[in-house]
Amino acid sequence: MNTQNVNVRTAASESTERWDEKKKGFLVFGAVADIHDISSKRTPKRCKKILEEDRPLRTFVFNNFMRQGCQRCFVIESPDDLTCTGSRLSGFLAGDSFFGLIMAGEEGVRVVQYPITNRIRRYFKKHMTIADSHPAQALKTFTRVNLWRWRNAPDLYRLWEES
């Protein structure tokens, strides 16, 4: 009986170790196809509604930017402890497999990733589409997204220009 109890404890500890590994930070490599300004009043309202009602998957911080010719690539990482207090909504990243709201604040620029649900697909269908002729389509191993920002969000533009 003691061996069975030990095995059960070991299995339980292995499952918690796997859970801890899932919670560890990881990197997302992405390529920005286009950078657009949003002048619509409806889109920020939809983003705020998602921010208030949906549960985010992860919070990322920008780690590295690379500009090579016409390609704009980025690396975002998910550290263990990260909060977005004191941040304001500045835009969003939208692609076929990634949707994240961009929050700019005192701590820097953060990306809050949300699962792609039917509501997000319905709200942001035209924002997620990347042109087939764009060079970012050639980067198959990267997460391809469009960067959408509000006109009054100079932080994001400065972020890309400094890279």
Protein backbone atom coordinates (compact mmCIF):
# COMPACT_ATOMS: atom_id res chain seq x y z
CA MET A 1 0.00 0.00 0.00
CA ASN A 2 2.77 2.42 0.75
CA THR A 3 4.17 2.06 -2.75
CA GLN A 4 0.78 2.92 -4.23
CA ASN A 5 0.54 6.04 -2.09
CA VAL A 6 4.04 7.07 -3.12
CA ASN A 7 3.17 6.57 -6.79
CA VAL A 8 0.03 8.66 -6.41
CA ARG A 9 1.98 11.44 -4.78
CA THR A 10 4.60 11.27 -7.50
CA ALA A 11 1.97 11.47 -10.23
CA ALA A 12 0.36 14.43 -8.50
CA SER A 13 3.69 16.21 -8.17
CA GLU A 14 4.44 15.53 -11.86
CA SER A 15 1.14 17.09 -12.90
CA THR A 16 1.87 20.21 -10.84
CA GLU A 17 5.34 20.37 -12.40
CA ARG A 18 3.78 20.23 -15.86
CA TRP A 19 1.35 22.98 -14.85
CA ASP A 20 4.26 25.12 -13.66
CA GLU A 21 6.06 24.54 -16.97
CA LYS A 22 2.99 25.75 -18.85
CA LYS A 23 2.90 28.88 -16.73
CA LYS A 24 6.54 29.69 -17.46
CA GLY A 25 7.26 32.49 -19.87
CA PHE A 26 7.77 31.85 -23.53
CA LEU A 27 8.48 33.80 -26.70
CA VAL A 28 6.36 34.63 -29.73
CA PHE A 29 8.15 35.56 -32.94
CA GLY A 30 6.04 37.73 -35.19
CA ALA A 31 6.12 39.73 -38.39
CA VAL A 32 4.07 42.86 -38.95
CA ALA A 33 2.56 42.98 -42.41
CA ASP A 34 1.10 46.50 -42.27
CA ILE A 35 0.77 49.35 -39.80
CA HIS A 36 -2.59 51.11 -40.01
CA ASP A 37 -4.21 54.08 -38.29
CA ILE A 38 -7.75 53.64 -37.01
CA SER A 39 -10.10 56.55 -37.40
CA SER A 40 -13.29 54.63 -36.63
CA LYS A 41 -15.06 55.25 -33.33
CA ARG A 42 -16.60 51.78 -33.27
CA THR A 43 -13.32 49.83 -33.17
CA PRO A 44 -12.03 51.33 -29.88
CA LYS A 45 -15.41 50.62 -28.29
CA ARG A 46 -15.19 47.00 -29.41
CA CYS A 47 -11.66 46.72 -28.03
CA LYS A 48 -12.74 48.15 -24.67
CA LYS A 49 -15.65 45.72 -24.58
CA ILE A 50 -13.28 42.79 -25.14
CA LEU A 51 -10.91 44.17 -22.51
CA GLU A 52 -13.71 44.38 -19.95
CA GLU A 53 -15.63 41.18 -20.71
CA ASP A 54 -13.17 38.56 -21.99
CA ARG A 55 -10.52 36.75 -20.02
CA PRO A 56 -7.00 37.19 -21.44
CA LEU A 57 -4.71 34.25 -22.15
CA ARG A 58 -1.38 35.96 -21.48
CA THR A 59 0.30 39.29 -21.09
CA PHE A 60 3.42 39.91 -23.15
CA VAL A 61 6.13 42.51 -23.11
CA PHE A 62 8.03 43.55 -26.25
CA ASN A 63 11.52 42.11 -26.13
CA ASN A 64 13.15 42.85 -29.49
CA PHE A 65 12.43 44.57 -32.80
CA MET A 66 14.11 43.86 -36.09
CA ARG A 67 13.76 45.74 -39.33
CA GLN A 68 15.28 44.12 -42.38
CA GLY A 69 14.29 45.71 -45.68
CA CYS A 70 10.51 45.70 -45.89
CA GLN A 71 10.11 43.20 -43.02
CA ARG A 72 9.27 44.36 -39.51
CA CYS A 73 9.71 41.53 -37.05
CA PHE A 74 9.28 41.48 -33.30
CA VAL A 75 9.73 39.19 -30.34
CA ILE A 76 7.38 39.28 -27.39
CA GLU A 77 7.89 37.33 -24.22
CA SER A 78 5.57 36.32 -21.42
CA PRO A 79 7.37 36.76 -18.10
CA ASP A 80 6.06 35.13 -14.94
CA ASP A 81 4.90 38.26 -13.13
CA LEU A 82 3.56 41.09 -15.23
CA THR A 83 0.73 43.54 -14.70
CA CYS A 84 -0.78 46.25 -16.88
CA THR A 85 -1.83 48.70 -14.19
CA GLY A 86 -1.91 52.32 -15.24
CA SER A 87 -1.96 51.45 -18.93
CA ARG A 88 -4.20 52.78 -21.67
CA LEU A 89 -5.39 51.08 -24.81
CA SER A 90 -3.25 52.12 -27.79
CA GLY A 91 -4.08 49.64 -30.54
CA PHE A 92 -4.11 45.96 -31.35
CA LEU A 93 -2.29 43.22 -33.22
CA ALA A 94 -4.58 41.07 -35.37
CA GLY A 95 -3.77 38.06 -37.50
CA ASP A 96 -5.21 34.68 -38.43
CA SER A 97 -3.79 33.00 -35.33
CA PHE A 98 -3.14 35.89 -32.93
CA PHE A 99 -5.19 38.71 -31.43
CA GLY A 100 -3.77 41.02 -28.79
CA LEU A 101 -4.62 44.43 -27.40
CA ILE A 102 -1.70 46.82 -27.03
CA MET A 103 -1.50 48.68 -23.73
CA ALA A 104 0.90 51.60 -23.29
CA GLY A 105 1.75 52.89 -19.84
CA GLU A 106 4.50 53.87 -17.45
CA GLU A 107 6.03 50.38 -17.52
CA GLY A 108 6.26 50.37 -21.30
CA VAL A 109 4.23 48.75 -24.05
CA ARG A 110 2.43 45.48 -23.26
CA VAL A 111 0.37 43.10 -25.41
CA VAL A 112 -2.59 41.33 -23.80
CA GLN A 113 -3.42 38.23 -25.86
CA TYR A 114 -7.00 36.95 -26.11
CA PRO A 115 -8.26 33.67 -27.53
CA ILE A 116 -9.76 34.07 -30.99
CA THR A 117 -13.47 33.56 -30.47
CA ASN A 118 -16.34 33.93 -32.89
CA ARG A 119 -17.02 37.42 -31.52
CA ILE A 120 -13.43 38.53 -32.16
CA ARG A 121 -13.52 37.04 -35.67
CA ARG A 122 -16.79 38.86 -36.36
CA TYR A 123 -15.60 42.21 -34.95
CA PHE A 124 -12.13 42.21 -36.51
CA LYS A 125 -12.45 40.09 -39.66
CA LYS A 126 -11.23 42.81 -42.01
CA HIS A 127 -8.41 43.77 -39.62
CA MET A 128 -7.06 40.19 -39.50
CA THR A 129 -6.70 39.80 -43.26
CA ILE A 130 -3.15 39.99 -44.62
CA ALA A 131 -2.71 40.53 -48.35
CA ASP A 132 -1.40 37.51 -50.25
CA SER A 133 1.09 39.69 -52.10
CA HIS A 134 2.69 41.06 -48.92
CA PRO A 135 6.27 39.87 -48.22
CA ALA A 136 5.30 38.85 -44.67
CA GLN A 137 3.40 35.90 -46.15
CA ALA A 138 6.77 34.32 -46.97
CA LEU A 139 7.64 34.06 -43.27
CA LYS A 140 5.84 30.81 -42.49
CA THR A 141 7.33 30.18 -39.04
CA PHE A 142 6.46 33.66 -37.77
CA THR A 143 3.11 34.81 -36.43
CA ARG A 144 1.91 37.22 -39.12
CA VAL A 145 -0.16 40.16 -37.87
CA ASN A 146 -1.34 43.63 -38.79
CA LEU A 147 -0.64 46.45 -36.34
CA TRP A 148 -3.60 48.76 -35.86
CA ARG A 149 -3.12 51.91 -33.77
CA TRP A 150 -5.11 54.94 -32.84
CA ARG A 151 -4.03 58.23 -34.34
CA ASN A 152 -3.42 59.68 -30.89
CA ALA A 153 -1.04 56.86 -29.91
CA PRO A 154 2.44 58.15 -30.76
CA ASP A 155 4.10 55.58 -28.46
CA LEU A 156 3.63 52.78 -30.96
CA TYR A 157 4.98 54.78 -33.88
CA ARG A 158 8.03 55.80 -31.86
CA LEU A 159 8.45 52.17 -30.83
CA TRP A 160 8.75 51.06 -34.45
CA GLU A 161 10.90 54.01 -35.49
CA GLU A 162 13.43 53.39 -32.71
CA SER A 163 13.86 49.77 -33.71
